[in-house]
Each structure stands twice: as C-alpha cells, then as structure tokens.
C-alpha cells in the first residue's frame, strides 16, 4: 500500500507542475520562439497591406515568394510585376 500512496503523491505533483509550473508553457504551446527567418506577416507589394504568412495568395517570382491579400492584388501583380517590385518609399529610395 505504501508504493501506491507514493505513486499517487508523485503523480499529483507531476500534474500540478505540468499544469501550473515549469511545464505549463509546453503544454499550452507557448514554447515556440519567433525567429527572424519566420516573420508573422508579409507586406503585399500591390496594396501594402499586411498579409499573415498562412493567409492570402502566394506567388513565386524570380525565386522569391510574394504574398497577396486578395486575388485582385495577385492578378494586378501578374500583369506587371516590375511595376510593383520597383516602387519607391517615402524617401524616394527604391525598394
């Protein structure tokens, strides 16, 4: 009976530590770190809206993946990609 009691105590402590303690971040998915190689969002080159990495439409152009918020933006890009890839920013510098 002594072994069963010890097992229940350790199982309870293990549960509490995983639920509220050190293991809580692993159980709830908070252990993933954001890396520079995996941005959360990308800017649509046509309308400059933020597009989540797993949303919208994607187009591979000259070996680089571009994301678009809508099919309309993708269609505009398909017609003249150079127009959207050589935009200038507010300082006049080319992007």
PDB file of N, CA and C in Angstrom:
ATOM      1  N   UNK A   1       0.835  -1.196   0.000  1.00  0.00           N
ATOM      2  CA  UNK A   1       0.000   0.000   0.000  1.00  0.00           C
ATOM      3  C   UNK A   1       0.874   1.252   0.000  1.00  0.00           C
ATOM      4  N   UNK A   2       2.049   1.123   0.580  1.00  0.00           N
ATOM      5  CA  UNK A   2       2.956   2.268   0.661  1.00  0.00           C
ATOM      6  C   UNK A   2       3.384   2.735  -0.735  1.00  0.00           C
ATOM      7  N   UNK A   3       3.593   1.794  -1.679  1.00  0.00           N
ATOM      8  CA  UNK A   3       4.009   2.134  -3.036  1.00  0.00           C
ATOM      9  C   UNK A   3       2.914   2.840  -3.809  1.00  0.00           C
ATOM     10  N   UNK A   4       1.676   2.451  -3.618  1.00  0.00           N
ATOM     11  CA  UNK A   4       0.544   3.072  -4.314  1.00  0.00           C
ATOM     12  C   UNK A   4       0.373   4.511  -3.829  1.00  0.00           C
ATOM     13  N   UNK A   5       0.501   4.707  -2.533  1.00  0.00           N
ATOM     14  CA  UNK A   5       0.367   6.040  -1.960  1.00  0.00           C
ATOM     15  C   UNK A   5       1.457   6.978  -2.500  1.00  0.00           C
ATOM     16  N   UNK A   6       2.690   6.496  -2.570  1.00  0.00           N
ATOM     17  CA  UNK A   6       3.793   7.302  -3.108  1.00  0.00           C
ATOM     18  C   UNK A   6       3.560   7.628  -4.580  1.00  0.00           C
ATOM     19  N   UNK A   7       3.062   6.650  -5.332  1.00  0.00           N
ATOM     20  CA  UNK A   7       2.782   6.877  -6.746  1.00  0.00           C
ATOM     21  C   UNK A   7       1.724   7.959  -6.929  1.00  0.00           C
ATOM     22  N   UNK A   8       0.666   7.925  -6.148  1.00  0.00           N
ATOM     23  CA  UNK A   8      -0.410   8.923  -6.248  1.00  0.00           C
ATOM     24  C   UNK A   8       0.120  10.306  -5.899  1.00  0.00           C
ATOM     25  N   UNK A   9       0.950  10.400  -4.875  1.00  0.00           N
ATOM     26  CA  UNK A   9       1.524  11.689  -4.476  1.00  0.00           C
ATOM     27  C   UNK A   9       2.399  12.252  -5.599  1.00  0.00           C
ATOM     28  N   UNK A  10       3.300  11.431  -6.143  1.00  0.00           N
ATOM     29  CA  UNK A  10       4.189  11.901  -7.212  1.00  0.00           C
ATOM     30  C   UNK A  10       3.415  12.219  -8.494  1.00  0.00           C
ATOM     31  N   UNK A  11       2.387  11.427  -8.786  1.00  0.00           N
ATOM     32  CA  UNK A  11       1.566  11.712  -9.967  1.00  0.00           C
ATOM     33  C   UNK A  11       0.839  13.048  -9.804  1.00  0.00           C
ATOM     34  N   UNK A  12       0.350  13.310  -8.607  1.00  0.00           N
ATOM     35  CA  UNK A  12      -0.322  14.591  -8.337  1.00  0.00           C
ATOM     36  C   UNK A  12       0.636  15.766  -8.451  1.00  0.00           C
ATOM     37  N   UNK A  13       1.838  15.611  -7.905  1.00  0.00           N
ATOM     38  CA  UNK A  13       2.837  16.680  -8.015  1.00  0.00           C
ATOM     39  C   UNK A  13       3.251  16.904  -9.475  1.00  0.00           C
ATOM     40  N   UNK A  14       3.397  15.814 -10.215  1.00  0.00           N
ATOM     41  CA  UNK A  14       3.744  15.917 -11.628  1.00  0.00           C
ATOM     42  C   UNK A  14       2.650  16.665 -12.388  1.00  0.00           C
ATOM     43  N   UNK A  15       1.406  16.326 -12.120  1.00  0.00           N
ATOM     44  CA  UNK A  15       0.289  17.010 -12.769  1.00  0.00           C
ATOM     45  C   UNK A  15       0.301  18.503 -12.456  1.00  0.00           C
ATOM     46  N   UNK A  16       0.473  18.845 -11.195  1.00  0.00           N
ATOM     47  CA  UNK A  16       0.469  20.256 -10.803  1.00  0.00           C
ATOM     48  C   UNK A  16       1.619  21.026 -11.456  1.00  0.00           C
ATOM     49  N   UNK A  17       2.792  20.427 -11.540  1.00  0.00           N
ATOM     50  CA  UNK A  17       3.931  21.095 -12.168  1.00  0.00           C
ATOM     51  C   UNK A  17       3.709  21.278 -13.671  1.00  0.00           C
ATOM     52  N   UNK A  18       3.139  20.280 -14.315  1.00  0.00           N
ATOM     53  CA  UNK A  18       2.886  20.401 -15.746  1.00  0.00           C
ATOM     54  C   UNK A  18       1.741  21.377 -16.024  1.00  0.00           C
ATOM     55  N   UNK A  19       0.779  21.442 -15.153  1.00  0.00           N
ATOM     56  CA  UNK A  19      -0.383  22.306 -15.366  1.00  0.00           C
ATOM     57  C   UNK A  19      -0.085  23.755 -15.019  1.00  0.00           C
ATOM     58  N   UNK A  20       0.594  23.997 -13.918  1.00  0.00           N
ATOM     59  CA  UNK A  20       0.783  25.364 -13.445  1.00  0.00           C
ATOM     60  C   UNK A  20       2.244  25.787 -13.329  1.00  0.00           C
ATOM     61  N   UNK A  21       3.138  24.868 -13.374  1.00  0.00           N
ATOM     62  CA  UNK A  21       4.541  25.185 -13.125  1.00  0.00           C
ATOM     63  C   UNK A  21       5.379  25.260 -14.382  1.00  0.00           C
ATOM     64  N   UNK A  22       6.538  24.658 -14.313  1.00  0.00           N
ATOM     65  CA  UNK A  22       7.539  24.738 -15.372  1.00  0.00           C
ATOM     66  C   UNK A  22       7.047  24.203 -16.702  1.00  0.00           C
ATOM     67  N   UNK A  23       6.234  23.194 -16.718  1.00  0.00           N
ATOM     68  CA  UNK A  23       5.793  22.589 -17.966  1.00  0.00           C
ATOM     69  C   UNK A  23       4.564  23.237 -18.562  1.00  0.00           C
ATOM     70  N   UNK A  24       4.010  24.250 -17.903  1.00  0.00           N
ATOM     71  CA  UNK A  24       2.775  24.869 -18.387  1.00  0.00           C
ATOM     72  C   UNK A  24       2.962  25.503 -19.756  1.00  0.00           C
ATOM     73  N   UNK A  25       4.107  26.110 -19.998  1.00  0.00           N
ATOM     74  CA  UNK A  25       4.315  26.761 -21.295  1.00  0.00           C
ATOM     75  C   UNK A  25       4.429  25.734 -22.409  1.00  0.00           C
ATOM     76  N   UNK A  26       4.899  24.532 -22.113  1.00  0.00           N
ATOM     77  CA  UNK A  26       4.995  23.485 -23.130  1.00  0.00           C
ATOM     78  C   UNK A  26       3.628  22.901 -23.438  1.00  0.00           C
ATOM     79  N   UNK A  27       2.816  22.725 -22.434  1.00  0.00           N
ATOM     80  CA  UNK A  27       1.506  22.123 -22.634  1.00  0.00           C
ATOM     81  C   UNK A  27       0.556  23.054 -23.374  1.00  0.00           C
ATOM     82  N   UNK A  28       0.770  24.351 -23.258  1.00  0.00           N
ATOM     83  CA  UNK A  28      -0.139  25.309 -23.879  1.00  0.00           C
ATOM     84  C   UNK A  28       0.417  25.933 -25.148  1.00  0.00           C
ATOM     85  N   UNK A  29       1.542  25.439 -25.641  1.00  0.00           N
ATOM     86  CA  UNK A  29       2.059  25.889 -26.918  1.00  0.00           C
ATOM     87  C   UNK A  29       2.806  27.204 -26.901  1.00  0.00           C
ATOM     88  N   UNK A  30       3.249  27.673 -25.762  1.00  0.00           N
ATOM     89  CA  UNK A  30       3.952  28.945 -25.685  1.00  0.00           C
ATOM     90  C   UNK A  30       5.465  28.785 -25.767  1.00  0.00           C
ATOM     91  N   UNK A  31       5.932  27.603 -26.122  1.00  0.00           N
ATOM     92  CA  UNK A  31       7.366  27.360 -26.149  1.00  0.00           C
ATOM     93  C   UNK A  31       7.991  27.680 -27.499  1.00  0.00           C
ATOM     94  N   UNK A  32       7.207  28.047 -28.499  1.00  0.00           N
ATOM     95  CA  UNK A  32       7.763  28.381 -29.805  1.00  0.00           C
ATOM     96  C   UNK A  32       8.303  29.799 -29.776  1.00  0.00           C
ATOM     97  N   UNK A  33       9.522  29.957 -30.250  1.00  0.00           N
ATOM     98  CA  UNK A  33      10.112  31.289 -30.309  1.00  0.00           C
ATOM     99  C   UNK A  33       9.993  31.834 -31.718  1.00  0.00           C
ATOM    100  N   UNK A  34       9.768  33.137 -31.822  1.00  0.00           N
ATOM    101  CA  UNK A  34       9.709  33.787 -33.121  1.00  0.00           C
ATOM    102  C   UNK A  34      11.129  34.014 -33.608  1.00  0.00           C
ATOM    103  N   UNK A  35      11.433  33.536 -34.801  1.00  0.00           N
ATOM    104  CA  UNK A  35      12.759  33.713 -35.356  1.00  0.00           C
ATOM    105  C   UNK A  35      12.686  34.680 -36.525  1.00  0.00           C
ATOM    106  N   UNK A  36      13.777  35.365 -36.828  1.00  0.00           N
ATOM    107  CA  UNK A  36      13.764  36.293 -37.955  1.00  0.00           C
ATOM    108  C   UNK A  36      13.466  35.600 -39.284  1.00  0.00           C
ATOM    109  N   UNK A  37      13.780  34.304 -39.401  1.00  0.00           N
ATOM    110  CA  UNK A  37      13.518  33.592 -40.640  1.00  0.00           C
ATOM    111  C   UNK A  37      12.038  33.305 -40.834  1.00  0.00           C
ATOM    112  N   UNK A  38      11.232  33.427 -39.765  1.00  0.00           N
ATOM    113  CA  UNK A  38       9.815  33.135 -39.843  1.00  0.00           C
ATOM    114  C   UNK A  38       9.003  34.354 -39.415  1.00  0.00           C
ATOM    115  N   UNK A  39       8.861  35.340 -40.268  1.00  0.00           N
ATOM    116  CA  UNK A  39       8.078  36.510 -39.872  1.00  0.00           C
ATOM    117  C   UNK A  39       6.599  36.152 -39.745  1.00  0.00           C
ATOM    118  N   UNK A  40       5.892  36.868 -38.905  1.00  0.00           N
ATOM    119  CA  UNK A  40       4.469  36.609 -38.722  1.00  0.00           C
ATOM    120  C   UNK A  40       3.663  37.107 -39.912  1.00  0.00           C
ATOM    121  N   UNK A  41       4.097  38.172 -40.541  1.00  0.00           N
ATOM    122  CA  UNK A  41       3.325  38.750 -41.636  1.00  0.00           C
ATOM    123  C   UNK A  41       4.256  39.310 -42.698  1.00  0.00           C
ATOM    124  N   UNK A  42       3.721  39.422 -43.896  1.00  0.00           N
ATOM    125  CA  UNK A  42       4.460  39.944 -45.035  1.00  0.00           C
ATOM    126  C   UNK A  42       3.632  41.076 -45.632  1.00  0.00           C
ATOM    127  N   UNK A  43       4.289  42.055 -46.231  1.00  0.00           N
ATOM    128  CA  UNK A  43       3.601  43.177 -46.856  1.00  0.00           C
ATOM    129  C   UNK A  43       3.247  42.824 -48.296  1.00  0.00           C
ATOM    130  N   UNK A  44       1.994  43.030 -48.658  1.00  0.00           N
ATOM    131  CA  UNK A  44       1.527  42.836 -50.032  1.00  0.00           C
ATOM    132  C   UNK A  44       2.174  43.919 -50.898  1.00  0.00           C
ATOM    133  N   UNK A  45       2.909  43.550 -51.962  1.00  0.00           N
ATOM    134  CA  UNK A  45       3.605  44.550 -52.773  1.00  0.00           C
ATOM    135  C   UNK A  45       2.664  45.436 -53.599  1.00  0.00           C
ATOM    136  N   UNK A  46       1.415  45.031 -53.775  1.00  0.00           N
ATOM    137  CA  UNK A  46       0.482  45.808 -54.581  1.00  0.00           C
ATOM    138  C   UNK A  46      -0.212  46.878 -53.748  1.00  0.00           C
ATOM    139  N   UNK A  47      -0.813  46.485 -52.633  1.00  0.00           N
ATOM    140  CA  UNK A  47      -1.597  47.443 -51.837  1.00  0.00           C
ATOM    141  C   UNK A  47      -0.945  47.790 -50.502  1.00  0.00           C
ATOM    142  N   UNK A  48       0.196  47.189 -50.198  1.00  0.00           N
ATOM    143  CA  UNK A  48       0.954  47.437 -48.967  1.00  0.00           C
ATOM    144  C   UNK A  48       0.213  47.047 -47.692  1.00  0.00           C
ATOM    145  N   UNK A  49      -0.746  46.146 -47.782  1.00  0.00           N
ATOM    146  CA  UNK A  49      -1.417  45.624 -46.594  1.00  0.00           C
ATOM    147  C   UNK A  49      -0.583  44.503 -46.001  1.00  0.00           C
ATOM    148  N   UNK A  50      -0.758  44.262 -44.705  1.00  0.00           N
ATOM    149  CA  UNK A  50      -0.072  43.161 -44.033  1.00  0.00           C
ATOM    150  C   UNK A  50      -0.841  41.878 -44.318  1.00  0.00           C
ATOM    151  N   UNK A  51      -0.115  40.852 -44.765  1.00  0.00           N
ATOM    152  CA  UNK A  51      -0.710  39.549 -45.056  1.00  0.00           C
ATOM    153  C   UNK A  51      -0.067  38.523 -44.134  1.00  0.00           C
ATOM    154  N   UNK A  52      -0.885  37.824 -43.365  1.00  0.00           N
ATOM    155  CA  UNK A  52      -0.362  36.775 -42.488  1.00  0.00           C
ATOM    156  C   UNK A  52       0.294  35.699 -43.336  1.00  0.00           C
ATOM    157  N   UNK A  53       1.298  35.045 -42.772  1.00  0.00           N
ATOM    158  CA  UNK A  53       2.105  34.082 -43.525  1.00  0.00           C
ATOM    159  C   UNK A  53       1.277  32.913 -44.042  1.00  0.00           C
ATOM    160  N   UNK A  54       0.209  32.544 -43.353  1.00  0.00           N
ATOM    161  CA  UNK A  54      -0.605  31.405 -43.778  1.00  0.00           C
ATOM    162  C   UNK A  54      -1.929  31.830 -44.408  1.00  0.00           C
ATOM    163  N   UNK A  55      -2.057  33.092 -44.771  1.00  0.00           N
ATOM    164  CA  UNK A  55      -3.287  33.608 -45.369  1.00  0.00           C
ATOM    165  C   UNK A  55      -2.999  34.142 -46.770  1.00  0.00           C
ATOM    166  N   UNK A  56      -4.035  34.496 -47.470  1.00  0.00           N
ATOM    167  CA  UNK A  56      -3.894  35.147 -48.761  1.00  0.00           C
ATOM    168  C   UNK A  56      -3.395  34.222 -49.855  1.00  0.00           C
ATOM    169  N   UNK A  57      -2.784  34.833 -50.855  1.00  0.00           N
ATOM    170  CA  UNK A  57      -2.293  34.113 -52.028  1.00  0.00           C
ATOM    171  C   UNK A  57      -0.789  34.285 -52.128  1.00  0.00           C
ATOM    172  N   UNK A  58      -0.124  33.278 -52.662  1.00  0.00           N
ATOM    173  CA  UNK A  58       1.320  33.337 -52.820  1.00  0.00           C
ATOM    174  C   UNK A  58       1.715  33.224 -54.279  1.00  0.00           C
ATOM    175  N   UNK A  59       2.820  33.877 -54.630  1.00  0.00           N
ATOM    176  CA  UNK A  59       3.336  33.828 -56.000  1.00  0.00           C
ATOM    177  C   UNK A  59       4.850  33.802 -55.928  1.00  0.00           C
ATOM    178  N   UNK A  60       5.451  32.832 -56.608  1.00  0.00           N
ATOM    179  CA  UNK A  60       6.898  32.736 -56.685  1.00  0.00           C
ATOM    180  C   UNK A  60       7.338  33.489 -57.934  1.00  0.00           C
ATOM    181  N   UNK A  61       8.142  34.531 -57.738  1.00  0.00           N
ATOM    182  CA  UNK A  61       8.605  35.362 -58.856  1.00  0.00           C
ATOM    183  C   UNK A  61      10.109  35.566 -58.715  1.00  0.00           C
ATOM    184  N   UNK A  62      10.868  35.147 -59.710  1.00  0.00           N
ATOM    185  CA  UNK A  62      12.328  35.243 -59.708  1.00  0.00           C
ATOM    186  C   UNK A  62      12.946  34.630 -58.439  1.00  0.00           C
ATOM    187  N   UNK A  63      12.385  33.511 -58.017  1.00  0.00           N
ATOM    188  CA  UNK A  63      12.934  32.793 -56.875  1.00  0.00           C
ATOM    189  C   UNK A  63      12.548  33.350 -55.520  1.00  0.00           C
ATOM    190  N   UNK A  64      11.685  34.342 -55.476  1.00  0.00           N
ATOM    191  CA  UNK A  64      11.249  34.922 -54.207  1.00  0.00           C
ATOM    192  C   UNK A  64       9.737  34.810 -54.092  1.00  0.00           C
ATOM    193  N   UNK A  65       9.263  34.434 -52.897  1.00  0.00           N
ATOM    194  CA  UNK A  65       7.838  34.268 -52.662  1.00  0.00           C
ATOM    195  C   UNK A  65       7.232  35.592 -52.220  1.00  0.00           C
ATOM    196  N   UNK A  66       6.176  36.003 -52.898  1.00  0.00           N
ATOM    197  CA  UNK A  66       5.419  37.196 -52.541  1.00  0.00           C
ATOM    198  C   UNK A  66       4.034  36.761 -52.112  1.00  0.00           C
ATOM    199  N   UNK A  67       3.469  37.435 -51.099  1.00  0.00           N
ATOM    200  CA  UNK A  67       2.137  37.123 -50.592  1.00  0.00           C
ATOM    201  C   UNK A  67       1.206  38.287 -50.928  1.00  0.00           C
ATOM    202  N   UNK A  68      -0.053  37.945 -51.232  1.00  0.00           N
ATOM    203  CA  UNK A  68      -1.054  38.934 -51.622  1.00  0.00           C
ATOM    204  C   UNK A  68      -2.305  38.746 -50.786  1.00  0.00           C
ATOM    205  N   UNK A  69      -2.942  39.863 -50.437  1.00  0.00           N
ATOM    206  CA  UNK A  69      -4.117  39.810 -49.575  1.00  0.00           C
ATOM    207  C   UNK A  69      -5.348  39.310 -50.318  1.00  0.00           C
ATOM    208  N   UNK A  70      -5.389  39.476 -51.634  1.00  0.00           N
ATOM    209  CA  UNK A  70      -6.567  39.081 -52.397  1.00  0.00           C
ATOM    210  C   UNK A  70      -6.169  38.600 -53.786  1.00  0.00           C
ATOM    211  N   UNK A  71      -7.121  37.978 -54.449  1.00  0.00           N
ATOM    212  CA  UNK A  71      -6.912  37.513 -55.822  1.00  0.00           C
ATOM    213  C   UNK A  71      -6.727  38.708 -56.763  1.00  0.00           C
ATOM    214  N   UNK A  72      -7.395  39.811 -56.463  1.00  0.00           N
ATOM    215  CA  UNK A  72      -7.274  41.018 -57.292  1.00  0.00           C
ATOM    216  C   UNK A  72      -5.838  41.550 -57.267  1.00  0.00           C
ATOM    217  N   UNK A  73      -5.225  41.587 -56.087  1.00  0.00           N
ATOM    218  CA  UNK A  73      -3.836  42.054 -55.983  1.00  0.00           C
ATOM    219  C   UNK A  73      -2.896  41.099 -56.714  1.00  0.00           C
ATOM    220  N   UNK A  74      -3.149  39.807 -56.615  1.00  0.00           N
ATOM    221  CA  UNK A  74      -2.334  38.830 -57.325  1.00  0.00           C
ATOM    222  C   UNK A  74      -2.457  39.024 -58.830  1.00  0.00           C
ATOM    223  N   UNK A  75      -3.684  39.265 -59.318  1.00  0.00           N
ATOM    224  CA  UNK A  75      -3.894  39.482 -60.754  1.00  0.00           C
ATOM    225  C   UNK A  75      -3.190  40.749 -61.232  1.00  0.00           C
ATOM    226  N   UNK A  76      -3.231  41.820 -60.437  1.00  0.00           N
ATOM    227  CA  UNK A  76      -2.531  43.054 -60.800  1.00  0.00           C
ATOM    228  C   UNK A  76      -1.030  42.820 -60.878  1.00  0.00           C
ATOM    229  N   UNK A  77      -0.505  42.056 -59.940  1.00  0.00           N
ATOM    230  CA  UNK A  77       0.918  41.738 -59.931  1.00  0.00           C
ATOM    231  C   UNK A  77       1.302  40.907 -61.153  1.00  0.00           C
ATOM    232  N   UNK A  78       0.455  39.948 -61.526  1.00  0.00           N
ATOM    233  CA  UNK A  78       0.730  39.101 -62.691  1.00  0.00           C
ATOM    234  C   UNK A  78       0.813  39.907 -63.979  1.00  0.00           C
ATOM    235  N   UNK A  79       0.025  40.960 -64.097  1.00  0.00           N
ATOM    236  CA  UNK A  79       0.023  41.776 -65.306  1.00  0.00           C
ATOM    237  C   UNK A  79       1.338  42.534 -65.453  1.00  0.00           C
ATOM    238  N   UNK A  80       1.829  43.135 -64.376  1.00  0.00           N
ATOM    239  CA  UNK A  80       3.062  43.934 -64.456  1.00  0.00           C
ATOM    240  C   UNK A  80       3.838  43.852 -63.139  1.00  0.00           C
ATOM    241  N   UNK A  81       4.573  42.762 -62.897  1.00  0.00           N
ATOM    242  CA  UNK A  81       5.292  42.616 -61.630  1.00  0.00           C
ATOM    243  C   UNK A  81       6.366  43.671 -61.421  1.00  0.00           C
ATOM    244  N   UNK A  82       7.005  44.123 -62.488  1.00  0.00           N
ATOM    245  CA  UNK A  82       8.073  45.119 -62.357  1.00  0.00           C
ATOM    246  C   UNK A  82       7.544  46.413 -61.754  1.00  0.00           C
ATOM    247  N   UNK A  83       6.321  46.772 -62.096  1.00  0.00           N
ATOM    248  CA  UNK A  83       5.698  47.993 -61.560  1.00  0.00           C
ATOM    249  C   UNK A  83       5.629  47.955 -60.032  1.00  0.00           C
ATOM    250  N   UNK A  84       5.333  46.785 -59.476  1.00  0.00           N
ATOM    251  CA  UNK A  84       5.161  46.669 -58.028  1.00  0.00           C
ATOM    252  C   UNK A  84       6.452  46.335 -57.299  1.00  0.00           C
ATOM    253  N   UNK A  85       7.428  45.830 -57.994  1.00  0.00           N
ATOM    254  CA  UNK A  85       8.691  45.486 -57.350  1.00  0.00           C
ATOM    255  C   UNK A  85       9.686  46.626 -57.367  1.00  0.00           C
ATOM    256  N   UNK A  86       9.428  47.679 -58.130  1.00  0.00           N
ATOM    257  CA  UNK A  86      10.336  48.830 -58.190  1.00  0.00           C
ATOM    258  C   UNK A  86       9.683  50.081 -57.613  1.00  0.00           C
ATOM    259  N   UNK A  87       8.754  49.892 -56.682  1.00  0.00           N
ATOM    260  CA  UNK A  87       8.130  51.038 -56.016  1.00  0.00           C
ATOM    261  C   UNK A  87       9.173  51.800 -55.213  1.00  0.00           C
ATOM    262  N   UNK A  88       8.947  53.069 -55.002  1.00  0.00           N
ATOM    263  CA  UNK A  88       9.827  53.859 -54.149  1.00  0.00           C
ATOM    264  C   UNK A  88       9.127  54.116 -52.825  1.00  0.00           C
ATOM    265  N   UNK A  89       9.931  54.246 -51.777  1.00  0.00           N
ATOM    266  CA  UNK A  89       9.331  54.525 -50.472  1.00  0.00           C
ATOM    267  C   UNK A  89       9.212  56.036 -50.284  1.00  0.00           C
ATOM    268  N   UNK A  90       8.858  56.482 -49.092  1.00  0.00           N
ATOM    269  CA  UNK A  90       8.603  57.905 -48.835  1.00  0.00           C
ATOM    270  C   UNK A  90       9.854  58.764 -49.005  1.00  0.00           C
ATOM    271  N   UNK A  91      11.032  58.179 -48.873  1.00  0.00           N
ATOM    272  CA  UNK A  91      12.271  58.959 -49.006  1.00  0.00           C
ATOM    273  C   UNK A  91      12.730  59.026 -50.456  1.00  0.00           C
ATOM    274  N   UNK A  92      12.040  58.303 -51.339  1.00  0.00           N
ATOM    275  CA  UNK A  92      12.427  58.308 -52.743  1.00  0.00           C
ATOM    276  C   UNK A  92      13.368  57.179 -53.110  1.00  0.00           C
ATOM    277  N   UNK A  93      13.740  56.375 -52.143  1.00  0.00           N
ATOM    278  CA  UNK A  93      14.657  55.257 -52.415  1.00  0.00           C
ATOM    279  C   UNK A  93      13.854  54.084 -52.971  1.00  0.00           C
ATOM    280  N   UNK A  94      14.442  53.369 -53.888  1.00  0.00           N
ATOM    281  CA  UNK A  94      13.769  52.203 -54.449  1.00  0.00           C
ATOM    282  C   UNK A  94      13.798  51.061 -53.461  1.00  0.00           C
ATOM    283  N   UNK A  95      12.723  50.310 -53.456  1.00  0.00           N
ATOM    284  CA  UNK A  95      12.641  49.143 -52.575  1.00  0.00           C
ATOM    285  C   UNK A  95      13.199  47.946 -53.279  1.00  0.00           C
TER     286      UNK A  95
END
